[in-house]
């Protein structure tokens, strides 16, 4: 009997069984990988849903603390270039960080209102301005910005226009950190 042929045949049988076992292990691992990938995909979908929920909750919280600054009117002093601009906060409490005129027709007088200034709900707040030379009550158009913060640290800018029979809010926006920096608020 030739032991070398038997040994070679035995090795070939063991190799064949090993190859089948390797192939079976590969299929098993592939199936596990597909299952793990499905689990990863499900977790990614859950993470996306949680992120969306977080963003919605963040926006809802911001809206719960939102101050609403309204232009309540303006009144010229008798035969004067001075006038008071009255604003009112009908939302949540705010702190005025900056009040500035954008138009060249007016100059703001600081008086008792120096930023930061607490702007409580429903209180009327008067700010005094003086018309610049060359402008009178009929031809002055006043554009001004109020930059203010809410109770949770968000900063907003409201732009108002007043004069020539118009008094309205033209813009209110949440400021980015870059915009806050441009107002020297950071």
N, C-alpha and C. Protein backbone atom coordinates (compact mmCIF):
# COMPACT_ATOMS: atom_id res chain seq x y z
N UNK A 1 0.83 -1.16 0.00
CA UNK A 1 0.00 0.00 0.00
C UNK A 1 0.89 1.24 0.00
N UNK A 2 0.46 2.16 -0.83
CA UNK A 2 1.24 3.38 -0.99
C UNK A 2 0.67 4.44 -0.04
N UNK A 3 1.44 4.66 1.04
CA UNK A 3 0.99 5.63 2.05
C UNK A 3 1.04 7.06 1.56
N UNK A 4 1.88 7.29 0.62
CA UNK A 4 1.99 8.65 0.12
C UNK A 4 0.74 9.03 -0.66
N UNK A 5 0.12 8.13 -1.41
CA UNK A 5 -1.11 8.42 -2.15
C UNK A 5 -2.26 8.58 -1.18
N UNK A 6 -2.31 7.75 -0.14
CA UNK A 6 -3.37 7.85 0.86
C UNK A 6 -3.24 9.19 1.60
N UNK A 7 -2.00 9.52 1.94
CA UNK A 7 -1.77 10.78 2.64
C UNK A 7 -2.17 11.96 1.77
N UNK A 8 -1.84 11.94 0.49
CA UNK A 8 -2.20 12.99 -0.45
C UNK A 8 -3.71 13.07 -0.59
N UNK A 9 -4.37 11.92 -0.70
CA UNK A 9 -5.83 11.92 -0.80
C UNK A 9 -6.47 12.48 0.48
N UNK A 10 -5.92 12.12 1.61
CA UNK A 10 -6.44 12.60 2.90
C UNK A 10 -6.29 14.12 2.98
N UNK A 11 -5.16 14.61 2.56
CA UNK A 11 -4.91 16.05 2.59
C UNK A 11 -5.87 16.75 1.65
N UNK A 12 -6.12 16.19 0.48
CA UNK A 12 -7.03 16.79 -0.48
C UNK A 12 -8.46 16.79 0.07
N UNK A 13 -8.86 15.72 0.75
CA UNK A 13 -10.21 15.67 1.36
C UNK A 13 -10.32 16.72 2.46
N UNK A 14 -9.30 16.81 3.28
CA UNK A 14 -9.31 17.82 4.37
C UNK A 14 -9.33 19.22 3.77
N UNK A 15 -8.58 19.44 2.69
CA UNK A 15 -8.58 20.74 2.03
C UNK A 15 -9.95 21.06 1.44
N UNK A 16 -10.60 20.07 0.86
CA UNK A 16 -11.93 20.28 0.29
C UNK A 16 -12.92 20.63 1.39
N UNK A 17 -12.86 19.89 2.50
CA UNK A 17 -13.75 20.19 3.64
C UNK A 17 -13.44 21.58 4.18
N UNK A 18 -12.14 21.92 4.27
CA UNK A 18 -11.74 23.25 4.75
C UNK A 18 -12.23 24.35 3.83
N UNK A 19 -12.16 24.09 2.52
CA UNK A 19 -12.65 25.09 1.56
C UNK A 19 -14.15 25.30 1.72
N UNK A 20 -14.90 24.18 1.91
CA UNK A 20 -16.34 24.31 2.13
C UNK A 20 -16.62 25.06 3.43
N UNK A 21 -15.85 24.76 4.47
CA UNK A 21 -16.03 25.45 5.75
C UNK A 21 -15.71 26.95 5.59
N UNK A 22 -14.66 27.26 4.85
CA UNK A 22 -14.29 28.67 4.62
C UNK A 22 -15.39 29.38 3.84
N UNK A 23 -15.90 28.71 2.81
CA UNK A 23 -16.99 29.29 2.04
C UNK A 23 -18.23 29.51 2.92
N UNK A 24 -18.55 28.51 3.77
CA UNK A 24 -19.68 28.65 4.68
C UNK A 24 -19.48 29.80 5.67
N UNK A 25 -18.25 29.92 6.20
CA UNK A 25 -17.95 31.02 7.13
C UNK A 25 -18.07 32.37 6.42
N UNK A 26 -17.61 32.43 5.17
CA UNK A 26 -17.73 33.65 4.39
C UNK A 26 -19.20 34.04 4.21
N UNK A 27 -20.04 33.06 3.86
CA UNK A 27 -21.47 33.34 3.71
C UNK A 27 -22.08 33.81 5.03
N UNK A 28 -21.70 33.16 6.13
CA UNK A 28 -22.20 33.54 7.45
C UNK A 28 -21.79 34.98 7.79
N UNK A 29 -20.51 35.31 7.57
CA UNK A 29 -20.03 36.67 7.85
C UNK A 29 -20.69 37.70 6.93
N UNK A 30 -20.87 37.32 5.67
CA UNK A 30 -21.53 38.23 4.73
C UNK A 30 -22.96 38.52 5.19
N UNK A 31 -23.66 37.46 5.63
CA UNK A 31 -25.02 37.64 6.11
C UNK A 31 -25.03 38.52 7.36
N UNK A 32 -24.06 38.32 8.26
CA UNK A 32 -23.96 39.16 9.46
C UNK A 32 -23.66 40.60 9.09
N UNK A 33 -22.78 40.80 8.09
CA UNK A 33 -22.45 42.16 7.65
C UNK A 33 -23.67 42.86 7.07
N UNK A 34 -24.48 42.14 6.29
CA UNK A 34 -25.70 42.72 5.74
C UNK A 34 -26.63 43.10 6.88
N UNK A 35 -26.74 42.21 7.88
CA UNK A 35 -27.59 42.49 9.04
C UNK A 35 -27.07 43.70 9.82
N UNK A 36 -25.75 43.76 10.00
CA UNK A 36 -25.17 44.91 10.71
C UNK A 36 -25.38 46.19 9.91
N UNK A 37 -25.25 46.12 8.59
CA UNK A 37 -25.47 47.30 7.76
C UNK A 37 -26.91 47.78 7.88
N UNK A 38 -27.85 46.85 7.92
CA UNK A 38 -29.25 47.22 8.11
C UNK A 38 -29.43 47.90 9.46
N UNK A 39 -28.78 47.39 10.51
CA UNK A 39 -28.86 48.02 11.83
C UNK A 39 -28.23 49.41 11.80
N UNK A 40 -27.10 49.55 11.12
CA UNK A 40 -26.45 50.86 11.01
C UNK A 40 -27.36 51.83 10.27
N UNK A 41 -28.00 51.37 9.21
CA UNK A 41 -28.91 52.24 8.45
C UNK A 41 -30.09 52.68 9.32
N UNK A 42 -30.62 51.75 10.13
CA UNK A 42 -31.73 52.09 11.03
C UNK A 42 -31.27 53.11 12.07
N UNK A 43 -30.08 52.92 12.63
CA UNK A 43 -29.55 53.88 13.61
C UNK A 43 -29.30 55.24 12.98
N UNK A 44 -28.83 55.27 11.75
CA UNK A 44 -28.62 56.54 11.05
C UNK A 44 -29.95 57.26 10.84
N UNK A 45 -31.00 56.51 10.51
CA UNK A 45 -32.33 57.11 10.33
C UNK A 45 -32.84 57.67 11.66
N UNK A 46 -32.61 56.94 12.75
CA UNK A 46 -33.01 57.42 14.07
C UNK A 46 -32.25 58.69 14.43
N UNK A 47 -30.94 58.71 14.15
CA UNK A 47 -30.12 59.89 14.43
C UNK A 47 -30.62 61.10 13.64
N UNK A 48 -30.98 60.89 12.38
CA UNK A 48 -31.52 61.99 11.56
C UNK A 48 -32.83 62.51 12.13
N UNK A 49 -33.69 61.60 12.54
CA UNK A 49 -34.98 62.01 13.13
C UNK A 49 -34.76 62.77 14.43
N UNK A 50 -33.81 62.31 15.25
CA UNK A 50 -33.51 63.01 16.50
C UNK A 50 -32.93 64.40 16.24
N UNK A 51 -32.08 64.51 15.22
CA UNK A 51 -31.51 65.81 14.87
C UNK A 51 -32.61 66.77 14.43
N UNK A 52 -33.52 66.29 13.60
CA UNK A 52 -34.65 67.11 13.16
C UNK A 52 -35.51 67.54 14.34
N UNK A 53 -35.78 66.61 15.25
CA UNK A 53 -36.57 66.92 16.44
C UNK A 53 -35.86 67.96 17.31
N UNK A 54 -34.54 67.83 17.44
CA UNK A 54 -33.75 68.80 18.21
C UNK A 54 -33.85 70.19 17.59
N UNK A 55 -33.71 70.28 16.28
CA UNK A 55 -33.81 71.58 15.60
C UNK A 55 -35.20 72.18 15.76
N UNK A 56 -36.25 71.35 15.69
CA UNK A 56 -37.61 71.85 15.89
C UNK A 56 -37.81 72.33 17.32
N UNK A 57 -37.29 71.57 18.29
CA UNK A 57 -37.39 71.98 19.69
C UNK A 57 -36.62 73.27 19.95
N UNK A 58 -35.45 73.39 19.32
CA UNK A 58 -34.65 74.61 19.47
C UNK A 58 -35.42 75.83 18.93
N UNK A 59 -36.04 75.68 17.77
CA UNK A 59 -36.82 76.77 17.17
C UNK A 59 -38.05 77.09 18.03
N UNK A 60 -38.73 76.07 18.54
CA UNK A 60 -39.89 76.30 19.41
C UNK A 60 -39.48 77.03 20.68
N UNK A 61 -38.34 76.66 21.24
CA UNK A 61 -37.85 77.35 22.44
C UNK A 61 -37.53 78.80 22.12
N UNK A 62 -36.89 79.05 20.98
CA UNK A 62 -36.57 80.43 20.58
C UNK A 62 -37.85 81.25 20.45
N UNK A 63 -38.88 80.66 19.84
CA UNK A 63 -40.13 81.38 19.66
C UNK A 63 -40.85 81.63 20.99
N UNK A 64 -40.67 80.73 21.96
CA UNK A 64 -41.29 80.93 23.27
C UNK A 64 -40.71 82.14 23.99
N UNK A 65 -39.46 82.50 23.70
CA UNK A 65 -38.79 83.61 24.37
C UNK A 65 -38.62 84.83 23.47
N UNK A 66 -39.33 84.86 22.36
CA UNK A 66 -39.15 85.91 21.36
C UNK A 66 -39.75 87.25 21.80
N UNK A 67 -38.92 88.29 21.89
CA UNK A 67 -39.45 89.64 22.10
C UNK A 67 -40.04 90.15 20.79
N UNK A 68 -41.07 90.96 20.86
CA UNK A 68 -41.66 91.56 19.67
C UNK A 68 -41.68 93.08 19.87
N UNK A 69 -40.74 93.74 19.23
CA UNK A 69 -40.60 95.18 19.37
C UNK A 69 -41.49 95.84 18.33
N UNK A 70 -42.34 96.77 18.80
CA UNK A 70 -43.23 97.49 17.90
C UNK A 70 -42.97 98.99 18.00
N UNK A 71 -43.07 99.64 16.87
CA UNK A 71 -43.03 101.09 16.84
C UNK A 71 -44.41 101.58 17.25
N UNK A 72 -44.46 102.27 18.36
CA UNK A 72 -45.75 102.69 18.90
C UNK A 72 -46.13 104.09 18.44
N UNK A 73 -45.16 104.80 17.92
CA UNK A 73 -45.45 106.13 17.39
C UNK A 73 -44.29 107.09 17.63
N UNK A 74 -44.43 108.28 17.06
CA UNK A 74 -43.44 109.32 17.32
C UNK A 74 -44.14 110.66 17.45
N UNK A 75 -43.57 111.53 18.24
CA UNK A 75 -44.19 112.81 18.57
C UNK A 75 -43.12 113.90 18.52
N UNK A 76 -43.34 114.90 17.65
CA UNK A 76 -42.43 116.04 17.61
C UNK A 76 -42.74 116.97 18.77
N UNK A 77 -41.69 117.54 19.33
CA UNK A 77 -41.87 118.55 20.34
C UNK A 77 -42.39 119.80 19.65
N UNK A 78 -43.10 120.67 20.37
CA UNK A 78 -43.68 121.90 19.78
C UNK A 78 -42.60 122.75 19.11
N UNK A 79 -42.83 123.04 17.82
CA UNK A 79 -41.94 123.92 17.05
C UNK A 79 -40.46 123.59 17.28
N UNK A 80 -40.13 122.33 17.21
CA UNK A 80 -38.77 121.92 17.50
C UNK A 80 -38.34 120.85 16.50
N UNK A 81 -37.06 120.65 16.41
CA UNK A 81 -36.53 119.57 15.59
C UNK A 81 -36.39 118.29 16.40
N UNK A 82 -36.73 118.37 17.67
CA UNK A 82 -36.64 117.18 18.53
C UNK A 82 -37.95 116.41 18.49
N UNK A 83 -37.82 115.11 18.59
CA UNK A 83 -39.01 114.27 18.67
C UNK A 83 -38.71 113.03 19.49
N UNK A 84 -39.76 112.47 20.04
CA UNK A 84 -39.66 111.22 20.79
C UNK A 84 -40.21 110.10 19.94
N UNK A 85 -39.48 109.03 19.92
CA UNK A 85 -39.90 107.82 19.24
C UNK A 85 -40.28 106.82 20.33
N UNK A 86 -41.49 106.31 20.27
CA UNK A 86 -41.96 105.40 21.30
C UNK A 86 -42.03 103.99 20.75
N UNK A 87 -41.39 103.08 21.46
CA UNK A 87 -41.45 101.67 21.09
C UNK A 87 -41.99 100.89 22.27
N UNK A 88 -42.55 99.74 21.94
CA UNK A 88 -43.12 98.89 22.98
C UNK A 88 -42.79 97.44 22.63
N UNK A 89 -42.49 96.68 23.66
CA UNK A 89 -42.24 95.26 23.50
C UNK A 89 -43.51 94.51 23.87
N UNK A 90 -44.12 93.84 22.90
CA UNK A 90 -45.35 93.08 23.17
C UNK A 90 -45.06 91.58 23.28
N UNK A 91 -43.78 91.23 23.27
CA UNK A 91 -43.39 89.83 23.42
C UNK A 91 -42.74 89.61 24.77
N UNK A 92 -41.79 88.73 24.80
CA UNK A 92 -41.06 88.41 26.03
C UNK A 92 -40.01 89.49 26.31
N UNK A 93 -39.54 89.60 27.56
CA UNK A 93 -38.55 90.63 27.91
C UNK A 93 -37.31 90.59 27.01
N UNK A 94 -36.74 91.77 26.80
CA UNK A 94 -35.56 91.90 25.93
C UNK A 94 -34.60 92.90 26.55
N UNK A 95 -33.38 92.87 26.06
CA UNK A 95 -32.37 93.85 26.43
C UNK A 95 -31.88 94.49 25.14
N UNK A 96 -32.04 95.82 25.05
CA UNK A 96 -31.54 96.55 23.89
C UNK A 96 -30.02 96.61 23.99
N UNK A 97 -29.36 96.15 22.95
CA UNK A 97 -27.90 96.18 22.90
C UNK A 97 -27.41 97.39 22.11
N UNK A 98 -28.22 97.84 21.14
CA UNK A 98 -27.82 98.94 20.29
C UNK A 98 -29.07 99.57 19.69
N UNK A 99 -29.13 100.87 19.70
CA UNK A 99 -30.18 101.61 19.02
C UNK A 99 -29.46 102.67 18.20
N UNK A 100 -29.57 102.56 16.88
CA UNK A 100 -28.84 103.50 16.04
C UNK A 100 -29.71 103.92 14.87
N UNK A 101 -29.47 105.15 14.44
CA UNK A 101 -30.15 105.64 13.25
C UNK A 101 -29.33 105.26 12.03
N UNK A 102 -30.02 104.89 10.99
CA UNK A 102 -29.37 104.52 9.75
C UNK A 102 -29.42 105.70 8.79
N UNK A 103 -30.44 106.53 8.94
CA UNK A 103 -30.60 107.68 8.04
C UNK A 103 -29.77 108.85 8.54
N UNK A 104 -29.38 109.70 7.60
CA UNK A 104 -28.57 110.87 7.97
C UNK A 104 -29.43 112.07 8.35
N UNK A 105 -30.74 111.89 8.42
CA UNK A 105 -31.62 113.02 8.73
C UNK A 105 -31.81 113.23 10.23
N UNK A 106 -31.35 112.29 11.05
CA UNK A 106 -31.56 112.41 12.49
C UNK A 106 -30.30 112.08 13.27
N UNK A 107 -30.27 112.60 14.47
CA UNK A 107 -29.21 112.30 15.43
C UNK A 107 -29.89 111.85 16.71
N UNK A 108 -29.42 110.75 17.26
CA UNK A 108 -30.02 110.23 18.48
C UNK A 108 -29.36 110.89 19.68
N UNK A 109 -30.20 111.22 20.67
CA UNK A 109 -29.71 111.74 21.94
C UNK A 109 -29.72 110.60 22.95
N UNK A 110 -28.60 110.39 23.62
CA UNK A 110 -28.49 109.26 24.53
C UNK A 110 -29.47 109.37 25.70
N UNK A 111 -29.44 110.46 26.44
CA UNK A 111 -30.35 110.61 27.57
C UNK A 111 -30.20 109.45 28.54
N UNK A 112 -31.32 108.98 29.06
CA UNK A 112 -31.28 107.91 30.05
C UNK A 112 -31.22 106.53 29.42
N UNK A 113 -31.33 106.43 28.12
CA UNK A 113 -31.35 105.13 27.45
C UNK A 113 -29.97 104.83 26.87
N UNK A 114 -29.15 104.20 27.65
CA UNK A 114 -27.83 103.80 27.21
C UNK A 114 -27.81 102.28 27.21
N UNK A 115 -27.37 101.69 26.11
CA UNK A 115 -27.36 100.22 26.01
C UNK A 115 -26.31 99.66 26.97
N UNK A 116 -26.55 98.51 27.57
CA UNK A 116 -27.76 97.70 27.45
C UNK A 116 -28.90 98.28 28.28
N UNK A 117 -30.09 98.19 27.71
CA UNK A 117 -31.27 98.76 28.34
C UNK A 117 -32.37 97.69 28.35
N UNK A 118 -32.91 97.41 29.54
CA UNK A 118 -33.98 96.42 29.66
C UNK A 118 -35.26 96.94 29.03
N UNK A 119 -35.82 96.15 28.17
CA UNK A 119 -37.07 96.50 27.49
C UNK A 119 -38.12 95.50 27.94
N UNK A 120 -38.83 95.85 29.01
CA UNK A 120 -39.81 94.95 29.59
C UNK A 120 -41.08 94.91 28.75
N UNK A 121 -41.84 93.88 28.95
CA UNK A 121 -43.06 93.67 28.19
C UNK A 121 -44.09 94.74 28.50
N UNK A 122 -44.69 95.28 27.45
CA UNK A 122 -45.80 96.24 27.47
C UNK A 122 -45.46 97.61 28.04
N UNK A 123 -44.22 97.87 28.40
CA UNK A 123 -43.84 99.22 28.81
C UNK A 123 -43.56 100.04 27.56
N UNK A 124 -43.99 101.30 27.59
CA UNK A 124 -43.66 102.19 26.49
C UNK A 124 -42.32 102.84 26.81
N UNK A 125 -41.45 102.91 25.82
CA UNK A 125 -40.12 103.45 25.99
C UNK A 125 -39.91 104.53 24.95
N UNK A 126 -39.56 105.71 25.41
CA UNK A 126 -39.35 106.84 24.50
C UNK A 126 -37.87 107.11 24.34
N UNK A 127 -37.49 107.31 23.09
CA UNK A 127 -36.12 107.65 22.75
C UNK A 127 -36.16 108.99 22.03
N UNK A 128 -35.27 109.90 22.40
CA UNK A 128 -35.28 111.25 21.85
C UNK A 128 -34.28 111.37 20.72
N UNK A 129 -34.74 112.01 19.64
CA UNK A 129 -33.91 112.25 18.45
C UNK A 129 -34.02 113.73 18.10
N UNK A 130 -33.04 114.19 17.34
CA UNK A 130 -33.07 115.56 16.83
C UNK A 130 -32.84 115.48 15.32
N UNK A 131 -33.63 116.22 14.57
CA UNK A 131 -33.44 116.27 13.11
C UNK A 131 -32.15 117.00 12.79
N UNK A 132 -31.43 116.50 11.82
CA UNK A 132 -30.20 117.14 11.38
C UNK A 132 -30.53 118.41 10.60
N UNK A 133 -29.55 119.26 10.44
CA UNK A 133 -29.76 120.49 9.68
C UNK A 133 -30.21 120.17 8.27
N UNK A 134 -31.14 120.95 7.77
CA UNK A 134 -31.66 120.77 6.43
C UNK A 134 -32.88 119.86 6.38
N UNK A 135 -33.28 119.30 7.51
CA UNK A 135 -34.45 118.44 7.55
C UNK A 135 -35.48 119.03 8.49
N UNK A 136 -36.74 118.87 8.12
CA UNK A 136 -37.81 119.30 9.01
C UNK A 136 -38.82 118.17 9.14
N UNK A 137 -39.88 118.42 9.87
CA UNK A 137 -40.87 117.37 10.17
C UNK A 137 -41.49 116.78 8.92
N UNK A 138 -41.63 117.57 7.87
CA UNK A 138 -42.30 117.09 6.67
C UNK A 138 -41.41 116.24 5.77
N UNK A 139 -40.10 116.53 5.73
CA UNK A 139 -39.25 115.81 4.77
C UNK A 139 -38.30 114.80 5.40
N UNK A 140 -38.36 114.61 6.69
CA UNK A 140 -37.45 113.66 7.35
C UNK A 140 -38.01 112.25 7.27
N UNK A 141 -37.19 111.36 6.85
CA UNK A 141 -37.54 109.94 6.90
C UNK A 141 -36.49 109.27 7.78
N UNK A 142 -36.94 108.63 8.83
CA UNK A 142 -36.05 108.08 9.83
C UNK A 142 -36.01 106.56 9.69
N UNK A 143 -34.81 106.04 9.52
CA UNK A 143 -34.61 104.60 9.48
C UNK A 143 -33.67 104.28 10.64
N UNK A 144 -34.08 103.35 11.48
CA UNK A 144 -33.22 103.01 12.61
C UNK A 144 -33.29 101.52 12.92
N UNK A 145 -32.19 101.05 13.51
CA UNK A 145 -32.05 99.65 13.90
C UNK A 145 -32.08 99.55 15.42
N UNK A 146 -32.76 98.52 15.89
CA UNK A 146 -32.68 98.16 17.30
C UNK A 146 -32.12 96.74 17.34
N UNK A 147 -30.99 96.59 17.98
CA UNK A 147 -30.39 95.28 18.18
C UNK A 147 -30.67 94.90 19.63
N UNK A 148 -31.29 93.74 19.81
CA UNK A 148 -31.70 93.35 21.17
C UNK A 148 -31.52 91.85 21.36
N UNK A 149 -31.45 91.45 22.62
CA UNK A 149 -31.29 90.04 22.98
C UNK A 149 -32.49 89.57 23.77
N UNK A 150 -32.79 88.28 23.64
CA UNK A 150 -33.86 87.70 24.43
C UNK A 150 -33.30 87.08 25.71
N UNK A 151 -34.14 86.44 26.49
CA UNK A 151 -33.74 85.88 27.78
C UNK A 151 -32.82 84.67 27.65
N UNK A 152 -32.77 84.03 26.50
CA UNK A 152 -31.95 82.84 26.36
C UNK A 152 -30.70 83.09 25.50
N UNK A 153 -30.42 84.37 25.22
CA UNK A 153 -29.17 84.73 24.57
C UNK A 153 -29.19 84.91 23.07
N UNK A 154 -30.33 84.77 22.43
CA UNK A 154 -30.42 85.04 20.99
C UNK A 154 -30.41 86.55 20.78
N UNK A 155 -29.79 86.99 19.70
CA UNK A 155 -29.71 88.41 19.39
C UNK A 155 -30.42 88.67 18.06
N UNK A 156 -31.23 89.72 18.03
CA UNK A 156 -32.04 90.06 16.87
C UNK A 156 -31.77 91.50 16.45
N UNK A 157 -32.12 91.81 15.21
CA UNK A 157 -32.09 93.19 14.74
C UNK A 157 -33.44 93.48 14.08
N UNK A 158 -34.07 94.56 14.55
CA UNK A 158 -35.29 95.06 13.92
C UNK A 158 -34.97 96.40 13.29
N UNK A 159 -35.39 96.56 12.04
CA UNK A 159 -35.21 97.82 11.34
C UNK A 159 -36.58 98.46 11.14
N UNK A 160 -36.68 99.73 11.53
CA UNK A 160 -37.93 100.47 11.43
C UNK A 160 -37.72 101.66 10.50
N UNK A 161 -38.81 102.07 9.87
CA UNK A 161 -38.82 103.29 9.07
C UNK A 161 -39.98 104.14 9.57
N UNK A 162 -39.72 105.42 9.70
CA UNK A 162 -40.75 106.32 10.20
C UNK A 162 -40.58 107.68 9.55
N UNK A 163 -41.69 108.38 9.39
CA UNK A 163 -41.68 109.70 8.79
C UNK A 163 -42.42 109.69 7.46
N UNK A 164 -42.80 110.88 7.01
CA UNK A 164 -43.53 111.04 5.76
C UNK A 164 -44.79 110.17 5.74
N UNK A 165 -45.44 110.08 6.88
CA UNK A 165 -46.69 109.33 6.97
C UNK A 165 -46.52 107.82 7.09
N UNK A 166 -45.30 107.34 7.24
CA UNK A 166 -45.04 105.90 7.33
C UNK A 166 -44.42 105.59 8.68
N UNK A 167 -44.88 104.55 9.31
CA UNK A 167 -44.25 104.03 10.52
C UNK A 167 -44.42 102.53 10.49
N UNK A 168 -43.34 101.81 10.26
CA UNK A 168 -43.49 100.36 10.19
C UNK A 168 -42.16 99.65 10.40
N UNK A 169 -42.28 98.38 10.72
CA UNK A 169 -41.15 97.48 10.82
C UNK A 169 -40.83 96.99 9.41
N UNK A 170 -39.58 97.12 8.98
CA UNK A 170 -39.22 96.64 7.65
C UNK A 170 -38.50 95.31 7.69
N UNK A 171 -37.87 94.99 8.82
CA UNK A 171 -37.13 93.74 8.91
C UNK A 171 -36.92 93.37 10.37
N UNK A 172 -37.03 92.09 10.66
CA UNK A 172 -36.60 91.56 11.95
C UNK A 172 -35.92 90.24 11.67
N UNK A 173 -34.68 90.12 12.16
CA UNK A 173 -33.97 88.87 11.88
C UNK A 173 -33.10 88.47 13.06
N UNK A 174 -32.87 87.18 13.15
CA UNK A 174 -31.97 86.59 14.13
C UNK A 174 -30.55 86.79 13.60
N UNK A 175 -29.68 87.37 14.42
CA UNK A 175 -28.32 87.64 13.97
C UNK A 175 -27.42 86.42 14.13
N UNK A 176 -26.55 86.23 13.17
CA UNK A 176 -25.53 85.19 13.27
C UNK A 176 -24.38 85.72 14.12
N UNK A 177 -23.47 84.85 14.50
CA UNK A 177 -22.34 85.29 15.31
C UNK A 177 -21.46 86.28 14.53
N UNK A 178 -21.38 86.13 13.22
CA UNK A 178 -20.60 87.08 12.40
C UNK A 178 -21.27 88.46 12.42
N UNK A 179 -22.60 88.49 12.32
CA UNK A 179 -23.31 89.77 12.36
C UNK A 179 -23.20 90.40 13.75
N UNK A 180 -23.26 89.59 14.80
CA UNK A 180 -23.08 90.12 16.16
C UNK A 180 -21.71 90.77 16.30
N UNK A 181 -20.71 90.12 15.71
CA UNK A 181 -19.37 90.66 15.77
C UNK A 181 -19.28 92.00 15.05
N UNK A 182 -20.02 92.14 13.94
CA UNK A 182 -19.99 93.41 13.20
C UNK A 182 -20.60 94.55 14.00
N UNK A 183 -21.47 94.23 14.96
CA UNK A 183 -22.06 95.24 15.86
C UNK A 183 -21.26 95.36 17.16
N UNK A 184 -20.11 94.70 17.22
CA UNK A 184 -19.26 94.68 18.43
C UNK A 184 -20.00 94.13 19.64
N UNK A 185 -20.80 93.09 19.43
CA UNK A 185 -21.56 92.49 20.52
C UNK A 185 -20.92 91.20 21.03
N UNK A 186 -19.82 90.81 20.43
CA UNK A 186 -19.13 89.58 20.89
C UNK A 186 -17.80 89.95 21.48
